[in-house]
Amino acid sequence: VQLQASGGGLVQAGGSLRLSCAASERTTAMGWFRQAPGKEREFVAAFRWREYYEDSVKGRFTISRDNAKNTVALQMNSLQPEDTAVYYCVAANTVIVSTLHRGTAWTYWGQGTQVTVSS
C-alpha cells in the first residue's frame, strides 16, 4: 500500500490547515503521526470504525475517512506552535485498538508533510 500525503504548510497560531492522504488500496485503519525536531514520533489521530485522538489535539483536530476513495483527512484548527512537526499518514490492516498509539502497530507510512505554526 502506498500513501500520498498533502496539505502541509505554514500558518499563524490560531489558524487552520487540512491534511489529506490517499492510499493506493483500502486498509482497515488509517491515521496520523507527527514528529517535531528533537522529539520522538507521536500519535495524533486514527480512524478505525471510529475516531481516536491524542489528548493534546482533542477538540482541535478532526480526522475523517472516505472509504470509497481510500482517503483520510485531518482538519487541524486552533493550531499552536507546538503543533509544528512533520506529519505522517499511516495505514494498517491488522491494528489493535489498544496499540493505535504505537508507531510499530502501523504497517504503511507516507512520506510526511511539514506543518509549521508561527507564533
N, C-alpha and C. Protein backbone atom coordinates (compact mmCIF):
# COMPACT_ATOMS: atom_id res chain seq x y z
N VAL A 1 0.85 -1.18 0.00
CA VAL A 1 0.00 0.00 0.00
C VAL A 1 0.89 1.24 0.00
N GLN A 2 0.60 2.14 -0.88
CA GLN A 2 1.34 3.40 -0.94
C GLN A 2 0.45 4.53 -0.46
N LEU A 3 1.05 5.43 0.33
CA LEU A 3 0.31 6.54 0.89
C LEU A 3 0.90 7.85 0.39
N GLN A 4 0.05 8.76 -0.01
CA GLN A 4 0.48 10.06 -0.51
C GLN A 4 -0.22 11.14 0.30
N ALA A 5 0.56 11.85 1.10
CA ALA A 5 0.01 12.91 1.94
C ALA A 5 0.22 14.27 1.31
N SER A 6 -0.67 15.17 1.62
CA SER A 6 -0.56 16.55 1.12
C SER A 6 -1.26 17.50 2.07
N GLY A 7 -1.02 18.79 1.90
CA GLY A 7 -1.76 19.78 2.65
C GLY A 7 -0.98 20.51 3.72
N GLY A 8 0.27 20.15 3.94
CA GLY A 8 1.05 20.87 4.94
C GLY A 8 1.36 22.28 4.49
N GLY A 9 1.94 23.04 5.42
CA GLY A 9 2.30 24.41 5.08
C GLY A 9 2.61 25.23 6.30
N LEU A 10 2.65 26.54 6.09
CA LEU A 10 2.95 27.49 7.16
C LEU A 10 1.68 28.26 7.51
N VAL A 11 1.40 28.35 8.80
CA VAL A 11 0.20 29.04 9.25
C VAL A 11 0.51 29.76 10.56
N GLN A 12 -0.19 30.82 10.83
CA GLN A 12 -0.01 31.52 12.09
C GLN A 12 -0.77 30.81 13.20
N ALA A 13 -0.33 31.03 14.42
CA ALA A 13 -1.01 30.45 15.57
C ALA A 13 -2.47 30.84 15.57
N GLY A 14 -3.32 29.87 15.86
CA GLY A 14 -4.76 30.09 15.81
C GLY A 14 -5.39 29.76 14.47
N GLY A 15 -4.56 29.52 13.49
CA GLY A 15 -5.05 29.21 12.16
C GLY A 15 -5.39 27.75 11.96
N SER A 16 -5.73 27.41 10.73
CA SER A 16 -6.16 26.06 10.40
C SER A 16 -5.43 25.53 9.17
N LEU A 17 -5.29 24.22 9.14
CA LEU A 17 -4.78 23.51 7.97
C LEU A 17 -5.53 22.20 7.84
N ARG A 18 -5.59 21.70 6.63
CA ARG A 18 -6.21 20.41 6.40
C ARG A 18 -5.23 19.51 5.67
N LEU A 19 -4.92 18.38 6.27
CA LEU A 19 -4.06 17.40 5.65
C LEU A 19 -4.91 16.31 4.99
N SER A 20 -4.44 15.82 3.87
CA SER A 20 -5.13 14.73 3.19
C SER A 20 -4.13 13.63 2.88
N CYS A 21 -4.65 12.42 2.81
CA CYS A 21 -3.79 11.28 2.49
C CYS A 21 -4.59 10.30 1.65
N ALA A 22 -4.02 9.90 0.54
CA ALA A 22 -4.66 8.93 -0.35
C ALA A 22 -3.88 7.63 -0.33
N ALA A 23 -4.60 6.53 -0.16
CA ALA A 23 -3.99 5.21 -0.15
C ALA A 23 -4.23 4.52 -1.49
N SER A 24 -3.28 3.70 -1.90
CA SER A 24 -3.40 3.02 -3.19
C SER A 24 -4.41 1.89 -3.16
N GLU A 25 -4.75 1.44 -1.93
CA GLU A 25 -5.80 0.44 -1.78
C GLU A 25 -6.41 0.56 -0.39
N ARG A 26 -7.54 -0.09 -0.23
CA ARG A 26 -8.26 0.06 1.04
C ARG A 26 -7.54 -0.66 2.18
N THR A 27 -7.55 -0.05 3.36
CA THR A 27 -6.99 -0.66 4.57
C THR A 27 -8.00 -0.53 5.70
N THR A 28 -7.81 -1.33 6.73
CA THR A 28 -8.74 -1.35 7.86
C THR A 28 -8.71 -0.04 8.63
N ALA A 29 -7.52 0.47 8.86
CA ALA A 29 -7.37 1.68 9.65
C ALA A 29 -6.40 2.63 8.98
N MET A 30 -6.63 3.91 9.20
CA MET A 30 -5.71 4.95 8.74
C MET A 30 -5.56 5.99 9.84
N GLY A 31 -4.45 6.69 9.83
CA GLY A 31 -4.24 7.68 10.88
C GLY A 31 -3.09 8.61 10.58
N TRP A 32 -2.71 9.34 11.63
CA TRP A 32 -1.63 10.32 11.51
C TRP A 32 -0.72 10.27 12.73
N PHE A 33 0.56 10.37 12.47
CA PHE A 33 1.57 10.58 13.48
C PHE A 33 2.31 11.88 13.15
N ARG A 34 3.07 12.37 14.10
CA ARG A 34 3.88 13.55 13.83
C ARG A 34 5.20 13.45 14.59
N GLN A 35 6.19 14.16 14.06
CA GLN A 35 7.49 14.20 14.72
C GLN A 35 8.05 15.60 14.62
N ALA A 36 8.25 16.21 15.78
CA ALA A 36 8.83 17.54 15.85
C ALA A 36 10.35 17.42 15.97
N PRO A 37 11.08 18.46 15.58
CA PRO A 37 12.55 18.41 15.66
C PRO A 37 13.01 18.10 17.08
N GLY A 38 13.88 17.12 17.21
CA GLY A 38 14.42 16.77 18.51
C GLY A 38 13.49 16.00 19.41
N LYS A 39 12.33 15.63 18.90
CA LYS A 39 11.36 14.90 19.73
C LYS A 39 11.05 13.55 19.10
N GLU A 40 10.47 12.70 19.91
CA GLU A 40 10.07 11.39 19.41
C GLU A 40 8.78 11.51 18.60
N ARG A 41 8.62 10.58 17.72
CA ARG A 41 7.40 10.50 16.95
C ARG A 41 6.22 10.23 17.89
N GLU A 42 5.08 10.88 17.63
CA GLU A 42 3.93 10.68 18.50
C GLU A 42 2.64 10.51 17.68
N PHE A 43 1.75 9.76 18.28
CA PHE A 43 0.44 9.53 17.70
C PHE A 43 -0.38 10.81 17.72
N VAL A 44 -1.15 11.05 16.66
CA VAL A 44 -2.02 12.22 16.60
C VAL A 44 -3.48 11.79 16.57
N ALA A 45 -3.85 10.99 15.59
CA ALA A 45 -5.25 10.58 15.45
C ALA A 45 -5.33 9.36 14.55
N ALA A 46 -6.42 8.63 14.69
CA ALA A 46 -6.64 7.46 13.85
C ALA A 46 -8.12 7.24 13.65
N PHE A 47 -8.44 6.51 12.58
CA PHE A 47 -9.83 6.15 12.30
C PHE A 47 -9.87 4.65 12.04
N ARG A 48 -10.49 3.95 12.98
CA ARG A 48 -10.74 2.52 12.83
C ARG A 48 -12.14 2.28 13.36
N TRP A 49 -13.10 2.29 12.49
CA TRP A 49 -14.52 2.20 12.82
C TRP A 49 -15.00 3.47 13.51
N ARG A 50 -14.13 4.12 14.29
CA ARG A 50 -14.46 5.41 14.87
C ARG A 50 -13.18 6.20 15.03
N GLU A 51 -13.29 7.41 15.57
CA GLU A 51 -12.15 8.30 15.70
C GLU A 51 -11.42 8.09 17.02
N TYR A 52 -10.10 8.25 16.97
CA TYR A 52 -9.25 8.20 18.16
C TYR A 52 -8.28 9.39 18.09
N TYR A 53 -8.04 10.02 19.24
CA TYR A 53 -7.19 11.21 19.27
C TYR A 53 -6.20 11.17 20.42
N GLU A 54 -5.06 11.77 20.18
CA GLU A 54 -4.12 12.04 21.26
C GLU A 54 -4.70 13.19 22.07
N ASP A 55 -4.49 13.19 23.37
CA ASP A 55 -5.16 14.14 24.26
C ASP A 55 -4.93 15.60 23.87
N SER A 56 -3.73 15.95 23.45
CA SER A 56 -3.42 17.36 23.20
C SER A 56 -4.12 17.93 21.97
N VAL A 57 -4.67 17.08 21.12
CA VAL A 57 -5.35 17.58 19.92
C VAL A 57 -6.86 17.44 19.98
N LYS A 58 -7.36 16.80 21.03
CA LYS A 58 -8.81 16.63 21.16
C LYS A 58 -9.50 17.99 21.19
N GLY A 59 -10.57 18.12 20.43
CA GLY A 59 -11.30 19.37 20.37
C GLY A 59 -10.76 20.35 19.36
N ARG A 60 -9.55 20.09 18.85
CA ARG A 60 -8.96 20.98 17.85
C ARG A 60 -8.80 20.30 16.49
N PHE A 61 -8.48 19.02 16.51
CA PHE A 61 -8.28 18.26 15.27
C PHE A 61 -9.45 17.32 15.05
N THR A 62 -9.77 17.10 13.79
CA THR A 62 -10.82 16.15 13.43
C THR A 62 -10.32 15.26 12.30
N ILE A 63 -10.39 13.96 12.52
CA ILE A 63 -10.00 13.02 11.48
C ILE A 63 -11.26 12.49 10.80
N SER A 64 -11.16 12.33 9.51
CA SER A 64 -12.30 11.80 8.76
C SER A 64 -11.79 10.87 7.68
N ARG A 65 -12.65 9.96 7.28
CA ARG A 65 -12.22 8.97 6.30
C ARG A 65 -13.29 8.79 5.24
N ASP A 66 -12.83 8.63 4.01
CA ASP A 66 -13.71 8.34 2.89
C ASP A 66 -13.32 6.96 2.37
N ASN A 67 -14.06 5.94 2.75
CA ASN A 67 -13.72 4.57 2.37
C ASN A 67 -13.82 4.35 0.86
N ALA A 68 -14.74 5.04 0.24
CA ALA A 68 -14.93 4.87 -1.20
C ALA A 68 -13.70 5.35 -1.97
N LYS A 69 -13.02 6.35 -1.43
CA LYS A 69 -11.86 6.92 -2.12
C LYS A 69 -10.54 6.49 -1.49
N ASN A 70 -10.60 5.69 -0.42
CA ASN A 70 -9.38 5.27 0.29
C ASN A 70 -8.56 6.49 0.75
N THR A 71 -9.23 7.45 1.32
CA THR A 71 -8.54 8.66 1.79
C THR A 71 -8.85 8.92 3.26
N VAL A 72 -7.94 9.64 3.88
CA VAL A 72 -8.15 10.10 5.25
C VAL A 72 -7.72 11.56 5.31
N ALA A 73 -8.44 12.34 6.08
CA ALA A 73 -8.11 13.76 6.19
C ALA A 73 -7.97 14.13 7.67
N LEU A 74 -7.19 15.15 7.92
CA LEU A 74 -7.02 15.66 9.28
C LEU A 74 -7.25 17.17 9.23
N GLN A 75 -8.37 17.59 9.76
CA GLN A 75 -8.67 19.01 9.85
C GLN A 75 -8.09 19.52 11.16
N MET A 76 -7.17 20.49 11.06
CA MET A 76 -6.48 20.99 12.24
C MET A 76 -6.86 22.44 12.46
N ASN A 77 -7.52 22.71 13.56
CA ASN A 77 -7.95 24.06 13.91
C ASN A 77 -7.21 24.52 15.16
N SER A 78 -7.24 25.82 15.40
CA SER A 78 -6.60 26.40 16.59
C SER A 78 -5.17 25.91 16.73
N LEU A 79 -4.44 25.94 15.64
CA LEU A 79 -3.07 25.44 15.64
C LEU A 79 -2.18 26.29 16.52
N GLN A 80 -1.25 25.62 17.18
CA GLN A 80 -0.31 26.27 18.08
C GLN A 80 1.12 25.94 17.64
N PRO A 81 2.09 26.76 18.04
CA PRO A 81 3.48 26.48 17.65
C PRO A 81 3.94 25.07 18.03
N GLU A 82 3.42 24.52 19.10
CA GLU A 82 3.81 23.17 19.50
C GLU A 82 3.26 22.09 18.58
N ASP A 83 2.39 22.48 17.65
CA ASP A 83 1.90 21.52 16.65
C ASP A 83 2.86 21.41 15.46
N THR A 84 3.87 22.26 15.44
CA THR A 84 4.85 22.22 14.37
C THR A 84 5.56 20.88 14.35
N ALA A 85 5.52 20.22 13.19
CA ALA A 85 6.12 18.90 13.07
C ALA A 85 5.97 18.42 11.63
N VAL A 86 6.63 17.32 11.34
CA VAL A 86 6.35 16.60 10.10
C VAL A 86 5.23 15.61 10.43
N TYR A 87 4.19 15.66 9.65
CA TYR A 87 3.03 14.80 9.87
C TYR A 87 3.07 13.64 8.88
N TYR A 88 2.89 12.43 9.41
CA TYR A 88 2.94 11.22 8.60
C TYR A 88 1.58 10.53 8.57
N CYS A 89 1.17 10.20 7.39
CA CYS A 89 -0.03 9.38 7.21
C CYS A 89 0.35 7.92 7.39
N VAL A 90 -0.50 7.17 8.09
CA VAL A 90 -0.23 5.75 8.33
C VAL A 90 -1.46 4.92 8.00
N ALA A 91 -1.24 3.65 7.74
CA ALA A 91 -2.34 2.74 7.45
C ALA A 91 -1.96 1.33 7.87
N ALA A 92 -2.97 0.54 8.14
CA ALA A 92 -2.73 -0.85 8.53
C ALA A 92 -3.99 -1.66 8.32
N ASN A 93 -3.83 -2.95 8.21
CA ASN A 93 -4.96 -3.86 8.09
C ASN A 93 -5.22 -4.67 9.35
N THR A 94 -4.21 -4.79 10.19
CA THR A 94 -4.37 -5.62 11.40
C THR A 94 -3.89 -4.88 12.63
N VAL A 95 -4.42 -3.71 12.87
CA VAL A 95 -4.01 -2.95 14.04
C VAL A 95 -5.06 -3.10 15.14
N ILE A 96 -4.60 -3.32 16.36
CA ILE A 96 -5.48 -3.47 17.51
C ILE A 96 -5.71 -2.09 18.13
N VAL A 97 -6.92 -1.83 18.56
CA VAL A 97 -7.27 -0.52 19.08
C VAL A 97 -6.33 -0.09 20.20
N SER A 98 -6.00 -1.00 21.09
CA SER A 98 -5.16 -0.66 22.24
C SER A 98 -3.73 -0.28 21.83
N THR A 99 -3.36 -0.53 20.60
CA THR A 99 -1.99 -0.23 20.14
C THR A 99 -1.96 0.86 19.08
N LEU A 100 -3.06 1.54 18.85
CA LEU A 100 -3.12 2.56 17.80
C LEU A 100 -2.07 3.65 17.99
N HIS A 101 -1.72 3.92 19.25
CA HIS A 101 -0.80 5.00 19.55
C HIS A 101 0.66 4.61 19.31
N ARG A 102 0.91 3.36 19.01
CA ARG A 102 2.27 2.89 18.80
C ARG A 102 2.63 2.91 17.32
N GLY A 103 3.75 3.51 17.02
CA GLY A 103 4.17 3.56 15.64
C GLY A 103 4.40 2.17 15.05
N THR A 104 4.86 1.25 15.87
CA THR A 104 5.14 -0.10 15.40
C THR A 104 3.88 -0.88 15.02
N ALA A 105 2.71 -0.37 15.42
CA ALA A 105 1.47 -1.07 15.09
C ALA A 105 1.02 -0.81 13.65
N TRP A 106 1.62 0.18 13.02
CA TRP A 106 1.18 0.59 11.69
C TRP A 106 2.14 0.05 10.63
N THR A 107 1.58 -0.54 9.61
CA THR A 107 2.38 -1.20 8.58
C THR A 107 2.89 -0.26 7.50
N TYR A 108 2.03 0.67 7.11
CA TYR A 108 2.35 1.52 5.96
C TYR A 108 2.48 2.98 6.40
N TRP A 109 3.50 3.64 5.87
CA TRP A 109 3.79 5.03 6.21
C TRP A 109 3.95 5.86 4.95
N GLY A 110 3.40 7.07 5.00
CA GLY A 110 3.58 8.01 3.90
C GLY A 110 4.89 8.76 4.07
N GLN A 111 5.15 9.68 3.16
CA GLN A 111 6.44 10.36 3.11
C GLN A 111 6.54 11.53 4.07
N GLY A 112 5.45 11.96 4.65
CA GLY A 112 5.48 13.07 5.59
C GLY A 112 5.23 14.41 4.92
N THR A 113 4.55 15.26 5.63
CA THR A 113 4.29 16.62 5.14
C THR A 113 4.53 17.59 6.29
N GLN A 114 5.23 18.68 6.00
CA GLN A 114 5.63 19.62 7.04
C GLN A 114 4.50 20.57 7.41
N VAL A 115 4.27 20.71 8.70
CA VAL A 115 3.33 21.71 9.22
C VAL A 115 4.12 22.63 10.14
N THR A 116 4.09 23.91 9.84
CA THR A 116 4.81 24.89 10.64
C THR A 116 3.83 25.95 11.12
N VAL A 117 3.79 26.14 12.43
CA VAL A 117 2.89 27.12 13.03
C VAL A 117 3.74 28.21 13.67
N SER A 118 3.57 29.42 13.18
CA SER A 118 4.36 30.54 13.71
C SER A 118 3.59 31.24 14.83
N SER A 119 4.35 31.77 15.78
CA SER A 119 3.72 32.44 16.93
C SER A 119 3.50 33.92 16.66
